Amino acid sequence: MIYWFIGQPAHGKTVLSNLLKERLEEKYRNGKKVFRVDGDDLRSLTANQDYSREGREQNIKRAQTIAQYLHNQGHDVIVSLVAPYRELREEFKQRVGEVMEFYVHTTEIRGREHFHTSEFEEPLENFIDVDTTGISPEDSIEQILTSIFKGGDHKGKYKTIFCDIDGTIFKYRTFSKYQIQEAEVIESTRAYLLSMKNDGHHIVLTTARPEGLREFTINELESHRIPYNQLVMGIGRGSRILINDRENDSDEDRAISVNLRRDEGF
């Protein structure tokens, strides 16, 4: 997932993105990696101090490219960047799919109003509103986590769905036909994975396909809008979904294996 914090300078984007990174790393416990991309850091790295529309768009597109690359590798990415142009934001969300946009704003005077841009366009849809007026960062991040995990227990549970790709998400094709036969999605499985993703589950897709087909497989998954957090290649699991519901403070795995009929989905 890509978590993108937008809003005017000094409204809380950087503080909240840092806190979210800490909380997600605590949740994943040395498992999944979480990266953060900051707009100011990116400008410094690329020596881009151009605050015209052209310069801003260049910085936004660079951040989008980096975030999408890391996301494609199965990592979570947190971006904090003003990103004032609604059209660029909406195009990115539509193209990538796995993007949660947080509009961070306040009515408080924080002394950096001279850095605000008059070009900022507030989001109209598909975003989470984060008003930091009179609220501590700790309370704000709890609200954000609740929004991300849809009321699930983001502190105590380690919820992971393992799902095989071929025969479970896509109708089965022999190895020789992966790249010459169009994938046919099993809609019931896609709907199930979307539901699990919205409930805060971590989705790991597995496949017997060799590592050399990683880029092809990622493109296939994204073009069909299949939600996932991590892709594991070269593993033969068969047509099944495995749910791991282990408590974070326990060494005991509690797993439910759902065996599926090939090509019929969940």
C-alpha atoms as a PDB file:
ATOM      1  CA  MET A   1       0.000   0.000   0.000  1.00  0.00           C
ATOM      2  CA  ILE A   2       1.068   3.605  -0.635  1.00  0.00           C
ATOM      3  CA  TYR A   3       0.039   6.093   2.071  1.00  0.00           C
ATOM      4  CA  TRP A   4       0.233   9.637   0.701  1.00  0.00           C
ATOM      5  CA  PHE A   5      -0.037  12.639   3.058  1.00  0.00           C
ATOM      6  CA  ILE A   6      -0.951  15.859   1.241  1.00  0.00           C
ATOM      7  CA  GLY A   7      -1.595  19.364   2.574  1.00  0.00           C
ATOM      8  CA  GLN A   8      -0.025  22.757   3.150  1.00  0.00           C
ATOM      9  CA  PRO A   9       3.374  23.083   4.908  1.00  0.00           C
ATOM     10  CA  ALA A  10       3.385  22.850   8.744  1.00  0.00           C
ATOM     11  CA  HIS A  11      -0.009  21.180   8.939  1.00  0.00           C
ATOM     12  CA  GLY A  12       1.428  17.881  10.221  1.00  0.00           C
ATOM     13  CA  LYS A  13       2.302  15.720   7.201  1.00  0.00           C
ATOM     14  CA  THR A  14       5.895  14.924   8.198  1.00  0.00           C
ATOM     15  CA  VAL A  15       5.148  14.259  11.874  1.00  0.00           C
ATOM     16  CA  LEU A  16       2.256  11.934  11.061  1.00  0.00           C
ATOM     17  CA  SER A  17       4.103  10.104   8.298  1.00  0.00           C
ATOM     18  CA  ASN A  18       7.010   9.432  10.682  1.00  0.00           C
ATOM     19  CA  LEU A  19       4.608   8.129  13.325  1.00  0.00           C
ATOM     20  CA  LEU A  20       2.835   5.917  10.805  1.00  0.00           C
ATOM     21  CA  LYS A  21       6.163   4.433   9.712  1.00  0.00           C
ATOM     22  CA  GLU A  22       6.997   3.603  13.343  1.00  0.00           C
ATOM     23  CA  ARG A  23       3.603   1.991  13.932  1.00  0.00           C
ATOM     24  CA  LEU A  24       3.678  -0.076  10.749  1.00  0.00           C
ATOM     25  CA  GLU A  25       7.218  -1.290  11.445  1.00  0.00           C
ATOM     26  CA  GLU A  26       6.095  -2.280  14.924  1.00  0.00           C
ATOM     27  CA  LYS A  27       3.141  -4.143  13.429  1.00  0.00           C
ATOM     28  CA  TYR A  28       5.215  -6.027  10.847  1.00  0.00           C
ATOM     29  CA  ARG A  29       8.033  -6.866  13.284  1.00  0.00           C
ATOM     30  CA  ASN A  30      11.047  -7.288  11.008  1.00  0.00           C
ATOM     31  CA  GLY A  31       8.858  -8.682   8.251  1.00  0.00           C
ATOM     32  CA  LYS A  32       7.588  -6.344   5.582  1.00  0.00           C
ATOM     33  CA  LYS A  33       9.661  -3.217   4.937  1.00  0.00           C
ATOM     34  CA  VAL A  34       8.207   0.280   5.182  1.00  0.00           C
ATOM     35  CA  PHE A  35       9.783   3.176   3.279  1.00  0.00           C
ATOM     36  CA  ARG A  36       9.122   6.906   3.597  1.00  0.00           C
ATOM     37  CA  VAL A  37       9.498   9.504   0.840  1.00  0.00           C
ATOM     38  CA  ASP A  38       9.547  13.160   1.942  1.00  0.00           C
ATOM     39  CA  GLY A  39       9.035  16.011  -0.501  1.00  0.00           C
ATOM     40  CA  ASP A  40      11.678  18.287   1.038  1.00  0.00           C
ATOM     41  CA  ASP A  41      14.238  15.474   1.181  1.00  0.00           C
ATOM     42  CA  LEU A  42      13.527  14.649  -2.450  1.00  0.00           C
ATOM     43  CA  ARG A  43      14.045  18.280  -3.497  1.00  0.00           C
ATOM     44  CA  SER A  44      17.360  18.369  -1.645  1.00  0.00           C
ATOM     45  CA  LEU A  45      18.495  15.089  -3.205  1.00  0.00           C
ATOM     46  CA  THR A  46      17.635  16.176  -6.748  1.00  0.00           C
ATOM     47  CA  ALA A  47      18.669  19.845  -6.282  1.00  0.00           C
ATOM     48  CA  ASN A  48      15.194  20.933  -7.353  1.00  0.00           C
ATOM     49  CA  GLN A  49      14.370  24.267  -5.725  1.00  0.00           C
ATOM     50  CA  ASP A  50      11.971  25.296  -8.458  1.00  0.00           C
ATOM     51  CA  TYR A  51       8.573  26.080  -6.930  1.00  0.00           C
ATOM     52  CA  SER A  52       6.890  26.992 -10.197  1.00  0.00           C
ATOM     53  CA  ARG A  53       4.173  24.633 -11.440  1.00  0.00           C
ATOM     54  CA  GLU A  54       6.718  22.888 -13.641  1.00  0.00           C
ATOM     55  CA  GLY A  55       9.113  22.392 -10.736  1.00  0.00           C
ATOM     56  CA  ARG A  56       6.371  21.161  -8.409  1.00  0.00           C
ATOM     57  CA  GLU A  57       5.039  18.711 -10.986  1.00  0.00           C
ATOM     58  CA  GLN A  58       8.538  17.341 -11.524  1.00  0.00           C
ATOM     59  CA  ASN A  59       8.946  16.726  -7.792  1.00  0.00           C
ATOM     60  CA  ILE A  60       5.526  15.081  -7.530  1.00  0.00           C
ATOM     61  CA  LYS A  61       6.162  12.761 -10.473  1.00  0.00           C
ATOM     62  CA  ARG A  62       9.543  11.734  -9.081  1.00  0.00           C
ATOM     63  CA  ALA A  63       7.915  10.880  -5.750  1.00  0.00           C
ATOM     64  CA  GLN A  64       5.200   8.908  -7.556  1.00  0.00           C
ATOM     65  CA  THR A  65       7.786   6.951  -9.563  1.00  0.00           C
ATOM     66  CA  ILE A  66       9.794   6.054  -6.444  1.00  0.00           C
ATOM     67  CA  ALA A  67       6.666   5.121  -4.484  1.00  0.00           C
ATOM     68  CA  GLN A  68       5.292   2.924  -7.265  1.00  0.00           C
ATOM     69  CA  TYR A  69       8.633   1.162  -7.728  1.00  0.00           C
ATOM     70  CA  LEU A  70       8.888   0.309  -4.009  1.00  0.00           C
ATOM     71  CA  HIS A  71       5.226  -0.700  -3.923  1.00  0.00           C
ATOM     72  CA  ASN A  72       5.797  -3.047  -6.874  1.00  0.00           C
ATOM     73  CA  GLN A  73       8.514  -4.772  -4.840  1.00  0.00           C
ATOM     74  CA  GLY A  74       5.929  -5.597  -2.170  1.00  0.00           C
ATOM     75  CA  HIS A  75       6.792  -2.834   0.323  1.00  0.00           C
ATOM     76  CA  ASP A  76       4.587  -0.279   2.051  1.00  0.00           C
ATOM     77  CA  VAL A  77       5.458   3.314   1.133  1.00  0.00           C
ATOM     78  CA  ILE A  78       4.619   6.508   3.015  1.00  0.00           C
ATOM     79  CA  VAL A  79       4.848   9.807   1.129  1.00  0.00           C
ATOM     80  CA  SER A  80       4.619  13.285   2.673  1.00  0.00           C
ATOM     81  CA  LEU A  81       4.444  15.944  -0.010  1.00  0.00           C
ATOM     82  CA  VAL A  82       2.259  19.024  -0.600  1.00  0.00           C
ATOM     83  CA  ALA A  83       1.211  17.711  -4.060  1.00  0.00           C
ATOM     84  CA  PRO A  84      -1.156  20.641  -4.726  1.00  0.00           C
ATOM     85  CA  TYR A  85      -2.513  19.495  -8.090  1.00  0.00           C
ATOM     86  CA  ARG A  86      -5.619  17.333  -7.829  1.00  0.00           C
ATOM     87  CA  GLU A  87      -5.346  16.015 -11.385  1.00  0.00           C
ATOM     88  CA  LEU A  88      -1.901  14.501 -10.767  1.00  0.00           C
ATOM     89  CA  ARG A  89      -3.038  12.937  -7.510  1.00  0.00           C
ATOM     90  CA  GLU A  90      -6.187  11.393  -8.987  1.00  0.00           C
ATOM     91  CA  GLU A  91      -4.351  10.034 -12.030  1.00  0.00           C
ATOM     92  CA  PHE A  92      -1.822   8.336  -9.751  1.00  0.00           C
ATOM     93  CA  LYS A  93      -4.511   6.798  -7.547  1.00  0.00           C
ATOM     94  CA  GLN A  94      -6.374   5.515 -10.584  1.00  0.00           C
ATOM     95  CA  ARG A  95      -3.234   4.104 -12.195  1.00  0.00           C
ATOM     96  CA  VAL A  96      -1.742   2.398  -9.146  1.00  0.00           C
ATOM     97  CA  GLY A  97      -4.913   1.505  -7.262  1.00  0.00           C
ATOM     98  CA  GLU A  98      -3.272   0.722  -3.902  1.00  0.00           C
ATOM     99  CA  VAL A  99      -3.063   4.357  -2.698  1.00  0.00           C
ATOM    100  CA  MET A 100      -4.615   5.889   0.420  1.00  0.00           C
ATOM    101  CA  GLU A 101      -4.607   9.689   0.371  1.00  0.00           C
ATOM    102  CA  PHE A 102      -4.657  11.625   3.663  1.00  0.00           C
ATOM    103  CA  TYR A 103      -5.560  15.301   3.501  1.00  0.00           C
ATOM    104  CA  VAL A 104      -3.820  16.880   6.501  1.00  0.00           C
ATOM    105  CA  HIS A 105      -5.003  20.389   7.408  1.00  0.00           C
ATOM    106  CA  THR A 106      -5.519  22.789  10.298  1.00  0.00           C
ATOM    107  CA  THR A 107      -7.001  26.204  11.084  1.00  0.00           C
ATOM    108  CA  GLU A 108      -4.216  26.915  13.593  1.00  0.00           C
ATOM    109  CA  ILE A 109      -1.562  29.561  12.875  1.00  0.00           C
ATOM    110  CA  ARG A 110       1.786  27.779  12.967  1.00  0.00           C
ATOM    111  CA  GLY A 111       4.168  30.410  11.696  1.00  0.00           C
ATOM    112  CA  ARG A 112       4.950  28.938   8.290  1.00  0.00           C
ATOM    113  CA  GLU A 113       1.983  30.295   6.388  1.00  0.00           C
ATOM    114  CA  HIS A 114       4.356  32.199   4.076  1.00  0.00           C
ATOM    115  CA  PHE A 115       5.348  28.812   2.626  1.00  0.00           C
ATOM    116  CA  HIS A 116       1.771  27.954   1.657  1.00  0.00           C
ATOM    117  CA  THR A 117       0.875  27.716  -2.022  1.00  0.00           C
ATOM    118  CA  SER A 118      -2.212  29.360  -3.450  1.00  0.00           C
ATOM    119  CA  GLU A 119      -2.319  26.603  -6.074  1.00  0.00           C
ATOM    120  CA  PHE A 120      -3.328  23.898  -3.612  1.00  0.00           C
ATOM    121  CA  GLU A 121      -6.492  22.085  -4.688  1.00  0.00           C
ATOM    122  CA  GLU A 122      -8.331  20.262  -1.918  1.00  0.00           C
ATOM    123  CA  PRO A 123      -9.311  16.645  -2.640  1.00  0.00           C
ATOM    124  CA  LEU A 124     -12.929  15.978  -3.570  1.00  0.00           C
ATOM    125  CA  GLU A 125     -13.191  12.180  -3.329  1.00  0.00           C
ATOM    126  CA  ASN A 126     -11.325   9.003  -2.370  1.00  0.00           C
ATOM    127  CA  PHE A 127      -9.393  10.549   0.540  1.00  0.00           C
ATOM    128  CA  ILE A 128      -9.256  10.472   4.336  1.00  0.00           C
ATOM    129  CA  ASP A 129      -9.684  13.808   6.115  1.00  0.00           C
ATOM    130  CA  VAL A 130      -7.165  14.501   8.909  1.00  0.00           C
ATOM    131  CA  ASP A 131      -7.885  17.743  10.780  1.00  0.00           C
ATOM    132  CA  THR A 132      -4.965  18.352  13.160  1.00  0.00           C
ATOM    133  CA  THR A 133      -6.541  21.397  14.812  1.00  0.00           C
ATOM    134  CA  GLY A 134      -6.263  21.036  18.589  1.00  0.00           C
ATOM    135  CA  ILE A 135      -5.381  17.332  18.357  1.00  0.00           C
ATOM    136  CA  SER A 136      -2.108  15.741  19.424  1.00  0.00           C
ATOM    137  CA  PRO A 137      -0.081  13.776  16.854  1.00  0.00           C
ATOM    138  CA  GLU A 138      -0.638  10.616  18.932  1.00  0.00           C
ATOM    139  CA  ASP A 139      -4.428  11.016  18.757  1.00  0.00           C
ATOM    140  CA  SER A 140      -4.236  11.820  15.041  1.00  0.00           C
ATOM    141  CA  ILE A 141      -2.222   8.700  14.271  1.00  0.00           C
ATOM    142  CA  GLU A 142      -4.737   6.544  16.144  1.00  0.00           C
ATOM    143  CA  GLN A 143      -7.478   7.965  13.932  1.00  0.00           C
ATOM    144  CA  ILE A 144      -5.358   7.260  10.856  1.00  0.00           C
ATOM    145  CA  LEU A 145      -4.675   3.661  11.907  1.00  0.00           C
ATOM    146  CA  THR A 146      -8.380   3.111  12.512  1.00  0.00           C
ATOM    147  CA  SER A 147      -9.065   4.401   8.991  1.00  0.00           C
ATOM    148  CA  ILE A 148      -6.400   2.137   7.493  1.00  0.00           C
ATOM    149  CA  PHE A 149      -7.497  -1.030   9.252  1.00  0.00           C
ATOM    150  CA  LYS A 150     -11.231  -0.326   9.171  1.00  0.00           C
ATOM    151  CA  GLY A 151     -11.731  -0.927  12.867  1.00  0.00           C
ATOM    152  CA  GLY A 152      -9.572  -4.035  12.995  1.00  0.00           C
ATOM    153  CA  ASP A 153      -7.157  -4.614  15.840  1.00  0.00           C
ATOM    154  CA  HIS A 154      -4.034  -2.914  14.461  1.00  0.00           C
ATOM    155  CA  LYS A 155      -2.139  -3.488  17.735  1.00  0.00           C
ATOM    156  CA  GLY A 156      -2.592  -7.142  18.617  1.00  0.00           C
ATOM    157  CA  LYS A 157      -3.213  -9.188  15.503  1.00  0.00           C
ATOM    158  CA  TYR A 158      -0.863 -10.296  12.776  1.00  0.00           C
ATOM    159  CA  LYS A 159      -3.346 -11.077  10.011  1.00  0.00           C
ATOM    160  CA  THR A 160      -1.948 -12.477   6.789  1.00  0.00           C
ATOM    161  CA  ILE A 161      -3.665 -14.040   3.790  1.00  0.00           C
ATOM    162  CA  PHE A 162      -1.538 -16.331   1.607  1.00  0.00           C
ATOM    163  CA  CYS A 163      -3.123 -16.940  -1.776  1.00  0.00           C
ATOM    164  CA  ASP A 164      -1.830 -18.871  -4.772  1.00  0.00           C
ATOM    165  CA  ILE A 165      -2.107 -16.991  -8.067  1.00  0.00           C
ATOM    166  CA  ASP A 166      -2.745 -19.602 -10.747  1.00  0.00           C
ATOM    167  CA  GLY A 167      -5.946 -21.564 -10.392  1.00  0.00           C
ATOM    168  CA  THR A 168      -7.111 -19.377  -7.494  1.00  0.00           C
ATOM    169  CA  ILE A 169      -6.978 -15.777  -8.739  1.00  0.00           C
ATOM    170  CA  PHE A 170      -6.481 -16.486 -12.446  1.00  0.00           C
ATOM    171  CA  LYS A 171      -7.932 -19.466 -14.295  1.00  0.00           C
ATOM    172  CA  TYR A 172      -5.145 -22.016 -14.647  1.00  0.00           C
ATOM    173  CA  ARG A 173      -2.755 -21.796 -17.604  1.00  0.00           C
ATOM    174  CA  THR A 174       0.173 -24.085 -18.287  1.00  0.00           C
ATOM    175  CA  PHE A 175       3.617 -22.586 -17.824  1.00  0.00           C
ATOM    176  CA  SER A 176       4.185 -22.272 -21.568  1.00  0.00           C
ATOM    177  CA  LYS A 177       1.050 -20.122 -21.953  1.00  0.00           C
ATOM    178  CA  TYR A 178       1.693 -17.517 -19.223  1.00  0.00           C
ATOM    179  CA  GLN A 179       2.926 -14.879 -21.648  1.00  0.00           C
ATOM    180  CA  ILE A 180       0.832 -15.744 -24.692  1.00  0.00           C
ATOM    181  CA  GLN A 181      -2.608 -16.336 -23.173  1.00  0.00           C
ATOM    182  CA  GLU A 182      -4.535 -13.508 -21.531  1.00  0.00           C
ATOM    183  CA  ALA A 183      -5.212 -14.047 -17.833  1.00  0.00           C
ATOM    184  CA  GLU A 184      -8.839 -14.696 -16.895  1.00  0.00           C
ATOM    185  CA  VAL A 185      -9.713 -13.383 -13.440  1.00  0.00           C
ATOM    186  CA  ILE A 186     -11.796 -15.414 -11.013  1.00  0.00           C
ATOM    187  CA  GLU A 187     -14.053 -12.639  -9.751  1.00  0.00           C
ATOM    188  CA  SER A 188     -15.068 -14.314  -6.487  1.00  0.00           C
ATOM    189  CA  THR A 189     -11.431 -14.497  -5.375  1.00  0.00           C
ATOM    190  CA  ARG A 190     -10.676 -10.924  -6.388  1.00  0.00           C
ATOM    191  CA  ALA A 191     -13.712  -9.723  -4.427  1.00  0.00           C
ATOM    192  CA  TYR A 192     -12.622 -11.770  -1.407  1.00  0.00           C
ATOM    193  CA  LEU A 193      -9.082 -10.366  -1.473  1.00  0.00           C
ATOM    194  CA  LEU A 194     -10.401  -6.815  -1.819  1.00  0.00           C
ATOM    195  CA  SER A 195     -12.590  -7.399   1.224  1.00  0.00           C
ATOM    196  CA  MET A 196      -9.667  -8.789   3.223  1.00  0.00           C
ATOM    197  CA  LYS A 197      -7.444  -5.885   2.167  1.00  0.00           C
ATOM    198  CA  ASN A 198     -10.056  -3.375   3.291  1.00  0.00           C
ATOM    199  CA  ASP A 199     -10.255  -5.150   6.649  1.00  0.00           C
ATOM    200  CA  GLY A 200      -6.531  -4.610   7.197  1.00  0.00           C
ATOM    201  CA  HIS A 201      -5.150  -8.021   6.244  1.00  0.00           C
ATOM    202  CA  HIS A 202      -1.659  -8.356   4.792  1.00  0.00           C
ATOM    203  CA  ILE A 203      -1.947 -10.218   1.479  1.00  0.00           C
ATOM    204  CA  VAL A 204       0.918 -12.410   0.281  1.00  0.00           C
ATOM    205  CA  LEU A 205       0.538 -13.883  -3.196  1.00  0.00           C
ATOM    206  CA  THR A 206       2.478 -17.051  -3.989  1.00  0.00           C
ATOM    207  CA  THR A 207       3.247 -18.727  -7.288  1.00  0.00           C
ATOM    208  CA  ALA A 208       5.344 -21.500  -8.763  1.00  0.00           C
ATOM    209  CA  ARG A 209       6.361 -19.115 -11.544  1.00  0.00           C
ATOM    210  CA  PRO A 210      10.136 -18.554 -11.655  1.00  0.00           C
ATOM    211  CA  GLU A 211      11.728 -15.300 -10.474  1.00  0.00           C
ATOM    212  CA  GLY A 212      12.401 -14.346 -14.085  1.00  0.00           C
ATOM    213  CA  LEU A 213       8.654 -13.765 -14.537  1.00  0.00           C
ATOM    214  CA  ARG A 214       8.371 -11.312 -11.622  1.00  0.00           C
ATOM    215  CA  GLU A 215       7.969  -8.156 -13.724  1.00  0.00           C
ATOM    216  CA  PHE A 216       5.490  -9.890 -16.031  1.00  0.00           C
ATOM    217  CA  THR A 217       3.508 -11.194 -13.043  1.00  0.00           C
ATOM    218  CA  ILE A 218       3.422  -7.787 -11.318  1.00  0.00           C
ATOM    219  CA  ASN A 219       2.151  -6.146 -14.509  1.00  0.00           C
ATOM    220  CA  GLU A 220      -0.502  -8.860 -14.851  1.00  0.00           C
ATOM    221  CA  LEU A 221      -1.691  -8.423 -11.263  1.00  0.00           C
ATOM    222  CA  GLU A 222      -1.792  -4.632 -11.460  1.00  0.00           C
ATOM    223  CA  SER A 223      -3.558  -4.538 -14.819  1.00  0.00           C
ATOM    224  CA  HIS A 224      -6.329  -6.678 -13.294  1.00  0.00           C
ATOM    225  CA  ARG A 225      -6.376  -4.680 -10.037  1.00  0.00           C
ATOM    226  CA  ILE A 226      -5.509  -7.591  -7.760  1.00  0.00           C
ATOM    227  CA  PRO A 227      -4.687  -6.276  -4.244  1.00  0.00           C
ATOM    228  CA  TYR A 228      -1.545  -7.578  -2.572  1.00  0.00           C
ATOM    229  CA  ASN A 229       1.283  -6.545  -0.259  1.00  0.00           C
ATOM    230  CA  GLN A 230       3.939  -9.075  -1.171  1.00  0.00           C
ATOM    231  CA  LEU A 231       4.685 -11.438  -4.055  1.00  0.00           C
ATOM    232  CA  VAL A 232       6.634 -14.667  -3.466  1.00  0.00           C
ATOM    233  CA  MET A 233       7.887 -16.467  -6.569  1.00  0.00           C
ATOM    234  CA  GLY A 234       8.956 -20.066  -7.106  1.00  0.00           C
ATOM    235  CA  ILE A 235       6.660 -21.685  -4.527  1.00  0.00           C
ATOM    236  CA  GLY A 236       4.150 -24.386  -5.383  1.00  0.00           C
ATOM    237  CA  ARG A 237       1.242 -24.123  -2.928  1.00  0.00           C
ATOM    238  CA  GLY A 238      -1.632 -25.392  -5.017  1.00  0.00           C
ATOM    239  CA  SER A 239      -5.087 -23.863  -5.175  1.00  0.00           C
ATOM    240  CA  ARG A 240      -5.657 -22.663  -1.648  1.00  0.00           C
ATOM    241  CA  ILE A 241      -5.877 -19.676   0.664  1.00  0.00           C
ATOM    242  CA  LEU A 242      -4.028 -19.788   3.980  1.00  0.00           C
ATOM    243  CA  ILE A 243      -5.056 -17.385   6.756  1.00  0.00           C
ATOM    244  CA  ASN A 244      -2.571 -16.780   9.584  1.00  0.00           C
ATOM    245  CA  ASP A 245      -4.276 -15.234  12.623  1.00  0.00           C
ATOM    246  CA  ARG A 246      -1.352 -15.268  15.066  1.00  0.00           C
ATOM    247  CA  GLU A 247      -1.271 -12.942  18.058  1.00  0.00           C
ATOM    248  CA  ASN A 248       1.762 -10.636  17.956  1.00  0.00           C
ATOM    249  CA  ASP A 249       2.818 -11.572  21.491  1.00  0.00           C
ATOM    250  CA  SER A 250       2.518 -15.307  20.858  1.00  0.00           C
ATOM    251  CA  ASP A 251       4.892 -17.807  19.268  1.00  0.00           C
ATOM    252  CA  GLU A 252       2.003 -20.008  18.177  1.00  0.00           C
ATOM    253  CA  ASP A 253       0.665 -19.804  14.635  1.00  0.00           C
ATOM    254  CA  ARG A 254      -3.082 -20.150  14.222  1.00  0.00           C
ATOM    255  CA  ALA A 255      -3.757 -20.886  10.584  1.00  0.00           C
ATOM    256  CA  ILE A 256      -6.839 -21.772   8.581  1.00  0.00           C
ATOM    257  CA  SER A 257      -6.277 -23.409   5.212  1.00  0.00           C
ATOM    258  CA  VAL A 258      -9.087 -23.111   2.673  1.00  0.00           C
ATOM    259  CA  ASN A 259      -8.620 -25.597  -0.153  1.00  0.00           C
ATOM    260  CA  LEU A 260     -10.273 -24.533  -3.384  1.00  0.00           C
ATOM    261  CA  ARG A 261     -11.363 -26.324  -6.499  1.00  0.00           C
ATOM    262  CA  ARG A 262      -9.052 -25.226  -9.271  1.00  0.00           C
ATOM    263  CA  ASP A 263     -10.466 -22.421 -11.437  1.00  0.00           C
ATOM    264  CA  GLU A 264     -13.575 -21.977  -9.275  1.00  0.00           C
ATOM    265  CA  GLY A 265     -12.109 -19.500  -6.811  1.00  0.00           C
ATOM    266  CA  PHE A 266     -13.134 -18.748  -3.272  1.00  0.00           C
END
